[in-house]
Amino acid sequence: MDGSGHDRVYICEVVARDGFQNEARFVETADKIALIDALSKTGVAKIEATAFVSPKAVPNMRDAAQVMTQITRRPGLVYSALVPNLRGAMAALEAGADELNLVFSVSDSHNMANVRMTSADSLRAFEDIFALSRAHGTPAAVTLATSFGCPFEGRVDGERLLDFYGRCITMGASAMALADTTGMGNPAQVERLVGRALALHPHTPLGLHFHNTRGMGLANVLAAYRAGARCFDASLGGIGGCPFAPGATGNICTEDTVHMFEEMGIATGVDLPALMDLSRRLPGLIGHETPGQVAKAGRSGDLHPPPAQAASMAAQAR
């Protein structure tokens, strides 16, 4: 508990991976490193620093090894990397990743479009990665993409989702995450599925990865929190999205998420003003505005002086 009667939440910042992967402009390696180093000082619990994927498929991740080896590590902060296969896992471990993030889609159609494998085939292919992670002493977490809906198949069956969830844990997943890859989830659905996952596997850490494609991102965060989840991925400025998912706009915005929790009296451990300052600099790196709101509007408690006429009238009324 954080002293206010609420459980603290933990934020995983994904801008350097999920945020940049969809950008048309290449974000220079030095700029990525500087941003990650600055984010390391804000109090986030984890940073997904990069992805060891094909540079042809995701050009903005072509400097993965340089980013992972050149960032300044902050004690106690986890620096993770997304890896799609054994080759990527080996490269991530060689570069010093603290955690491997394995991803596959619960929907066969989306998984086929993404990696040309069925969901079950992807999971089987992870066996070698889990073995490597155990031998190396580095945890391997699994993110289940399209957990709340597939753009090709529609609603994903909850029993299928929970079956894959349990199989991943049995195989050795150190933590699990449910991802709303194209923003198809709704709060009632999220609360129900998160509650069931936590009830079935209470000792396995669970994170949530929401997109704000249809404007329900923060509502889904709150629903997951009420169901017992305490770890959330978010992207600075709300940028990002899956390059292989039609209509997948940005992730939930980190500063908006932190602001919501802090306004509710739920601690995040994050320095919100520092986060907002970094968000305001982000358009200079990517060449366009970001969808986040709090960095533009300011915090709810940031008051402004009233117009002179209104102030005079208020004084007279007193």
Protein backbone atom coordinates (compact mmCIF):
# COMPACT_ATOMS: atom_id res chain seq x y z
CA MET A 1 0.00 0.00 0.00
CA ASP A 2 1.19 3.56 -0.63
CA GLY A 3 0.05 5.12 2.62
CA SER A 4 -3.19 6.55 1.21
CA GLY A 5 -5.09 3.29 1.43
CA HIS A 6 -4.55 2.42 -2.23
CA ASP A 7 -2.23 -0.02 -3.95
CA ARG A 8 0.51 1.64 -5.95
CA VAL A 9 0.58 1.12 -9.70
CA TYR A 10 3.69 0.53 -11.79
CA ILE A 11 4.29 2.06 -15.19
CA CYS A 12 6.26 0.44 -18.01
CA GLU A 13 7.31 3.10 -20.53
CA VAL A 14 7.21 1.77 -24.10
CA VAL A 15 7.80 4.88 -26.23
CA ALA A 16 11.29 3.81 -27.32
CA ARG A 17 9.93 0.55 -28.74
CA ASP A 18 6.18 0.62 -29.39
CA GLY A 19 6.17 4.39 -29.73
CA PHE A 20 8.93 4.71 -32.31
CA GLN A 21 8.36 1.48 -34.26
CA ASN A 22 5.54 3.00 -36.31
CA GLU A 23 7.22 6.33 -37.07
CA ALA A 24 8.07 7.16 -40.68
CA ARG A 25 11.05 9.26 -39.58
CA PHE A 26 14.05 7.40 -38.19
CA VAL A 27 14.70 8.56 -34.65
CA GLU A 28 18.46 8.93 -34.31
CA THR A 29 20.19 6.47 -31.99
CA ALA A 30 21.66 9.21 -29.83
CA ASP A 31 18.21 10.75 -29.40
CA LYS A 32 16.71 7.39 -28.37
CA ILE A 33 19.46 6.88 -25.82
CA ALA A 34 19.08 10.39 -24.42
CA LEU A 35 15.32 9.96 -24.10
CA ILE A 36 15.63 6.59 -22.35
CA ASP A 37 18.24 8.04 -19.97
CA ALA A 38 15.89 10.92 -19.17
CA LEU A 39 12.93 8.59 -18.69
CA SER A 40 15.06 6.51 -16.33
CA LYS A 41 15.03 9.45 -13.92
CA THR A 42 11.25 9.91 -13.87
CA GLY A 43 10.37 6.99 -11.61
CA VAL A 44 8.86 4.56 -14.10
CA ALA A 45 9.27 0.93 -13.05
CA LYS A 46 10.33 -0.48 -16.41
CA ILE A 47 11.38 0.73 -19.84
CA GLU A 48 10.91 -1.34 -22.96
CA ALA A 49 14.02 0.02 -24.63
CA THR A 50 13.93 -1.57 -28.08
CA ALA A 51 13.05 -4.60 -30.18
CA PHE A 52 15.44 -7.11 -31.73
CA VAL A 53 13.43 -7.57 -34.90
CA SER A 54 14.11 -7.51 -38.63
CA PRO A 55 15.33 -4.02 -39.61
CA LYS A 56 13.54 -4.47 -42.94
CA ALA A 57 10.23 -5.05 -41.16
CA VAL A 58 10.71 -2.33 -38.53
CA PRO A 59 13.40 0.15 -39.69
CA ASN A 60 13.28 2.25 -36.53
CA MET A 61 14.56 -0.71 -34.51
CA ARG A 62 17.67 -1.29 -36.63
CA ASP A 63 19.87 0.17 -33.88
CA ALA A 64 18.57 -2.15 -31.14
CA ALA A 65 21.97 -3.41 -29.99
CA GLN A 66 23.46 0.09 -29.87
CA VAL A 67 20.53 1.43 -27.85
CA MET A 68 20.55 -1.43 -25.35
CA THR A 69 24.31 -1.35 -24.79
CA GLN A 70 24.73 2.44 -24.62
CA ILE A 71 21.91 3.52 -22.31
CA THR A 72 22.83 4.45 -18.74
CA ARG A 73 21.30 1.83 -16.44
CA ARG A 74 19.58 3.04 -13.30
CA PRO A 75 19.69 0.54 -10.39
CA GLY A 76 16.36 -1.15 -9.76
CA LEU A 77 14.91 -0.19 -13.13
CA VAL A 78 14.17 -3.00 -15.60
CA TYR A 79 15.22 -2.49 -19.23
CA SER A 80 13.36 -4.97 -21.41
CA ALA A 81 13.47 -5.82 -25.10
CA LEU A 82 10.89 -7.32 -27.41
CA VAL A 83 12.14 -10.44 -29.18
CA PRO A 84 10.24 -12.35 -31.90
CA ASN A 85 12.41 -15.46 -32.11
CA LEU A 86 15.48 -17.27 -30.77
CA ARG A 87 17.88 -15.20 -32.86
CA GLY A 88 16.41 -12.00 -31.48
CA ALA A 89 16.53 -13.37 -27.93
CA MET A 90 20.22 -14.25 -28.26
CA ALA A 91 21.00 -10.76 -29.57
CA ALA A 92 19.01 -9.12 -26.76
CA LEU A 93 20.80 -11.14 -24.08
CA GLU A 94 24.17 -10.34 -25.62
CA ALA A 95 23.25 -6.65 -25.48
CA GLY A 96 22.32 -6.90 -21.79
CA ALA A 97 18.53 -6.87 -21.74
CA ASP A 98 17.16 -7.34 -18.21
CA GLU A 99 14.02 -9.04 -19.51
CA LEU A 100 12.86 -10.62 -22.75
CA ASN A 101 9.36 -9.76 -23.95
CA LEU A 102 7.89 -12.47 -26.18
CA VAL A 103 4.78 -11.59 -28.15
CA PHE A 104 2.27 -13.61 -30.11
CA SER A 105 -1.36 -13.06 -31.04
CA VAL A 106 -4.20 -15.06 -29.54
CA SER A 107 -5.94 -14.69 -32.90
CA ASP A 108 -4.58 -17.05 -35.57
CA SER A 109 -5.44 -14.60 -38.34
CA HIS A 110 -3.48 -11.75 -36.79
CA ASN A 111 -0.57 -14.01 -35.88
CA MET A 112 -0.42 -15.32 -39.45
CA ALA A 113 -0.45 -11.77 -40.80
CA ASN A 114 2.27 -10.80 -38.35
CA VAL A 115 4.68 -13.77 -38.31
CA ARG A 116 3.15 -16.32 -40.72
CA MET A 117 2.52 -18.84 -37.96
CA THR A 118 -0.52 -20.00 -36.04
CA SER A 119 -0.77 -18.96 -32.39
CA ALA A 120 0.02 -22.50 -31.24
CA ASP A 121 3.07 -22.69 -33.53
CA SER A 122 4.39 -19.41 -32.10
CA LEU A 123 4.03 -20.71 -28.57
CA ARG A 124 5.88 -23.92 -29.45
CA ALA A 125 8.65 -21.85 -31.01
CA PHE A 126 9.07 -20.06 -27.67
CA GLU A 127 10.24 -23.26 -25.94
CA ASP A 128 13.83 -22.66 -27.04
CA ILE A 129 13.67 -19.05 -25.90
CA PHE A 130 12.41 -20.06 -22.46
CA ALA A 131 15.25 -22.59 -22.22
CA LEU A 132 17.76 -19.91 -23.21
CA SER A 133 16.35 -17.44 -20.69
CA ARG A 134 16.58 -20.01 -17.89
CA ALA A 135 20.16 -20.87 -18.80
CA HIS A 136 21.04 -17.19 -18.89
CA GLY A 137 19.16 -16.33 -15.70
CA THR A 138 17.14 -13.64 -17.46
CA PRO A 139 13.34 -13.62 -17.12
CA ALA A 140 11.12 -13.99 -20.18
CA ALA A 141 7.66 -12.43 -20.08
CA VAL A 142 4.89 -13.03 -22.61
CA THR A 143 2.49 -10.51 -24.10
CA LEU A 144 -0.69 -11.90 -25.62
CA ALA A 145 -1.62 -9.61 -28.51
CA THR A 146 -5.24 -9.20 -29.66
CA SER A 147 -6.38 -10.30 -26.21
CA PHE A 148 -9.59 -8.28 -26.41
CA GLY A 149 -10.30 -8.42 -30.12
CA CYS A 150 -8.83 -9.10 -33.56
CA PRO A 151 -9.28 -6.76 -36.54
CA PHE A 152 -9.79 -9.81 -38.79
CA GLU A 153 -11.84 -12.14 -36.56
CA GLY A 154 -13.59 -9.82 -34.12
CA ARG A 155 -14.03 -10.75 -30.45
CA VAL A 156 -11.47 -13.26 -29.18
CA ASP A 157 -12.88 -16.16 -27.18
CA GLY A 158 -12.08 -15.69 -23.50
CA GLU A 159 -11.49 -19.39 -22.91
CA ARG A 160 -8.96 -19.47 -25.74
CA LEU A 161 -7.19 -16.47 -24.24
CA LEU A 162 -7.03 -18.00 -20.76
CA ASP A 163 -5.85 -21.33 -22.18
CA PHE A 164 -2.88 -19.67 -23.87
CA TYR A 165 -2.30 -17.61 -20.72
CA GLY A 166 -1.96 -20.72 -18.58
CA ARG A 167 0.17 -22.57 -21.13
CA CYS A 168 2.66 -19.70 -21.23
CA ILE A 169 3.01 -19.79 -17.45
CA THR A 170 3.48 -23.56 -17.48
CA MET A 171 6.24 -23.17 -20.07
CA GLY A 172 8.10 -20.70 -17.89
CA ALA A 173 6.81 -17.16 -18.47
CA SER A 174 8.00 -14.94 -15.64
CA ALA A 175 5.13 -12.49 -16.18
CA MET A 176 2.17 -12.05 -18.49
CA ALA A 177 0.59 -9.11 -20.28
CA LEU A 178 -2.71 -8.76 -22.10
CA ALA A 179 -2.55 -6.40 -25.08
CA ASP A 180 -5.46 -4.64 -26.73
CA THR A 181 -3.56 -4.40 -30.01
CA THR A 182 -6.13 -2.45 -32.01
CA GLY A 183 -8.13 -0.86 -29.20
CA MET A 184 -11.17 -3.16 -29.44
CA GLY A 185 -11.59 -3.82 -25.73
CA ASN A 186 -14.22 -2.24 -23.50
CA PRO A 187 -14.18 -1.73 -19.71
CA ALA A 188 -16.71 -4.46 -18.86
CA GLN A 189 -14.83 -7.01 -20.97
CA VAL A 190 -11.46 -5.92 -19.54
CA GLU A 191 -12.60 -6.11 -15.93
CA ARG A 192 -14.06 -9.58 -16.47
CA LEU A 193 -11.03 -11.09 -18.25
CA VAL A 194 -8.43 -9.49 -16.01
CA GLY A 195 -10.31 -10.69 -12.95
CA ARG A 196 -10.43 -14.24 -14.28
CA ALA A 197 -6.73 -14.26 -15.23
CA LEU A 198 -5.71 -13.06 -11.78
CA ALA A 199 -8.00 -15.54 -10.05
CA LEU A 200 -6.59 -18.46 -12.05
CA HIS A 201 -2.94 -17.41 -11.71
CA PRO A 202 -2.65 -15.11 -8.67
CA HIS A 203 1.12 -15.51 -8.28
CA THR A 204 2.07 -14.50 -11.84
CA PRO A 205 2.57 -10.75 -12.40
CA LEU A 206 0.08 -9.36 -14.90
CA GLY A 207 0.50 -6.23 -17.01
CA LEU A 208 -1.91 -4.54 -19.39
CA HIS A 209 -1.06 -2.95 -22.73
CA PHE A 210 -3.88 -0.76 -24.01
CA HIS A 211 -4.26 1.28 -27.17
CA ASN A 212 -6.55 4.28 -27.39
CA THR A 213 -7.77 3.58 -30.91
CA ARG A 214 -11.42 4.13 -30.04
CA GLY A 215 -11.00 6.44 -27.07
CA MET A 216 -11.46 3.81 -24.35
CA GLY A 217 -7.83 3.47 -23.30
CA LEU A 218 -7.97 5.10 -19.86
CA ALA A 219 -11.41 3.66 -19.15
CA ASN A 220 -9.91 0.22 -19.76
CA VAL A 221 -6.95 1.04 -17.50
CA LEU A 222 -9.33 1.90 -14.69
CA ALA A 223 -11.38 -1.26 -15.29
CA ALA A 224 -8.22 -3.37 -15.13
CA TYR A 225 -7.13 -1.61 -11.93
CA ARG A 226 -10.49 -2.32 -10.32
CA ALA A 227 -10.07 -5.98 -11.28
CA GLY A 228 -6.73 -6.09 -9.48
CA ALA A 229 -4.11 -5.21 -12.11
CA ARG A 230 -1.32 -2.91 -10.99
CA CYS A 231 1.12 -2.82 -13.95
CA PHE A 232 0.44 -0.85 -17.11
CA ASP A 233 2.35 -0.19 -20.32
CA ALA A 234 2.10 3.36 -21.64
CA SER A 235 3.84 5.47 -24.25
CA LEU A 236 5.08 9.04 -23.81
CA GLY A 237 2.81 11.40 -25.72
CA GLY A 238 0.48 8.52 -26.60
CA ILE A 239 2.39 7.64 -29.77
CA GLY A 240 2.88 4.22 -31.31
CA GLY A 241 0.83 1.32 -32.52
CA CYS A 242 1.28 -2.00 -34.24
CA PRO A 243 2.58 -1.55 -37.82
CA PHE A 244 0.84 -4.80 -38.80
CA ALA A 245 -2.62 -3.98 -37.40
CA PRO A 246 -5.03 -1.94 -39.54
CA GLY A 247 -6.27 1.16 -37.71
CA ALA A 248 -4.07 0.68 -34.66
CA THR A 249 -3.41 4.21 -33.48
CA GLY A 250 -1.35 5.11 -30.48
CA ASN A 251 -0.88 3.56 -27.08
CA ILE A 252 -2.38 5.04 -23.98
CA CYS A 253 -0.42 8.13 -23.05
CA THR A 254 1.99 7.81 -20.12
CA GLU A 255 1.53 11.28 -18.69
CA ASP A 256 -2.27 11.07 -19.07
CA THR A 257 -2.28 7.70 -17.27
CA VAL A 258 -0.04 8.92 -14.45
CA HIS A 259 -2.12 12.09 -14.09
CA MET A 260 -5.35 10.09 -13.79
CA PHE A 261 -3.97 7.83 -11.08
CA GLU A 262 -2.35 10.65 -9.12
CA GLU A 263 -5.56 12.72 -9.24
CA MET A 264 -7.35 9.68 -7.79
CA GLY A 265 -4.85 9.47 -4.94
CA ILE A 266 -3.20 6.34 -6.32
CA ALA A 267 0.59 6.56 -6.25
CA THR A 268 2.67 5.80 -9.34
CA GLY A 269 6.11 6.88 -8.11
CA VAL A 270 6.47 8.91 -11.32
CA ASP A 271 7.59 12.54 -11.53
CA LEU A 272 4.72 13.89 -13.62
CA PRO A 273 6.17 17.36 -14.35
CA ALA A 274 9.38 15.75 -15.62
CA LEU A 275 7.35 13.38 -17.78
CA MET A 276 5.30 16.26 -19.21
CA ASP A 277 8.46 18.17 -20.05
CA LEU A 278 9.82 15.18 -22.00
CA SER A 279 6.49 14.76 -23.77
CA ARG A 280 6.54 18.38 -24.93
CA ARG A 281 9.91 17.78 -26.56
CA LEU A 282 8.75 14.64 -28.38
CA PRO A 283 7.32 16.36 -31.50
CA GLY A 284 10.80 17.64 -32.25
CA LEU A 285 12.05 14.05 -32.51
CA ILE A 286 9.24 12.59 -34.59
CA GLY A 287 8.21 15.58 -36.66
CA HIS A 288 4.54 15.79 -35.70
CA GLU A 289 2.24 16.51 -32.79
CA THR A 290 1.33 13.81 -30.29
CA PRO A 291 -2.18 12.82 -29.14
CA GLY A 292 -1.51 13.12 -25.39
CA GLN A 293 -3.66 15.63 -23.50
CA VAL A 294 -2.11 16.49 -20.15
CA ALA A 295 1.15 17.85 -21.57
CA LYS A 296 -0.96 20.30 -23.60
CA ALA A 297 -3.65 21.22 -21.10
CA GLY A 298 -1.59 20.97 -17.92
CA ARG A 299 -2.53 19.16 -14.74
CA SER A 300 -5.97 19.57 -13.20
CA GLY A 301 -4.40 21.46 -10.32
CA ASP A 302 -2.54 23.94 -12.57
CA LEU A 303 -4.74 26.98 -12.04
CA HIS A 304 -4.76 30.18 -14.08
CA PRO A 305 -5.42 33.79 -13.06
CA PRO A 306 -8.96 34.91 -13.96
CA PRO A 307 -9.48 37.70 -16.52
CA ALA A 308 -9.11 41.15 -14.96
CA GLN A 309 -12.82 41.99 -15.32
CA ALA A 310 -13.87 38.71 -13.68
CA ALA A 311 -11.40 39.24 -10.85
CA SER A 312 -12.74 42.78 -10.27
CA MET A 313 -16.33 41.58 -10.21
CA ALA A 314 -15.45 38.78 -7.79
CA ALA A 315 -13.71 41.27 -5.50
CA GLN A 316 -16.73 43.54 -5.50
CA ALA A 317 -19.02 40.62 -4.70
CA ARG A 318 -16.89 39.75 -1.67
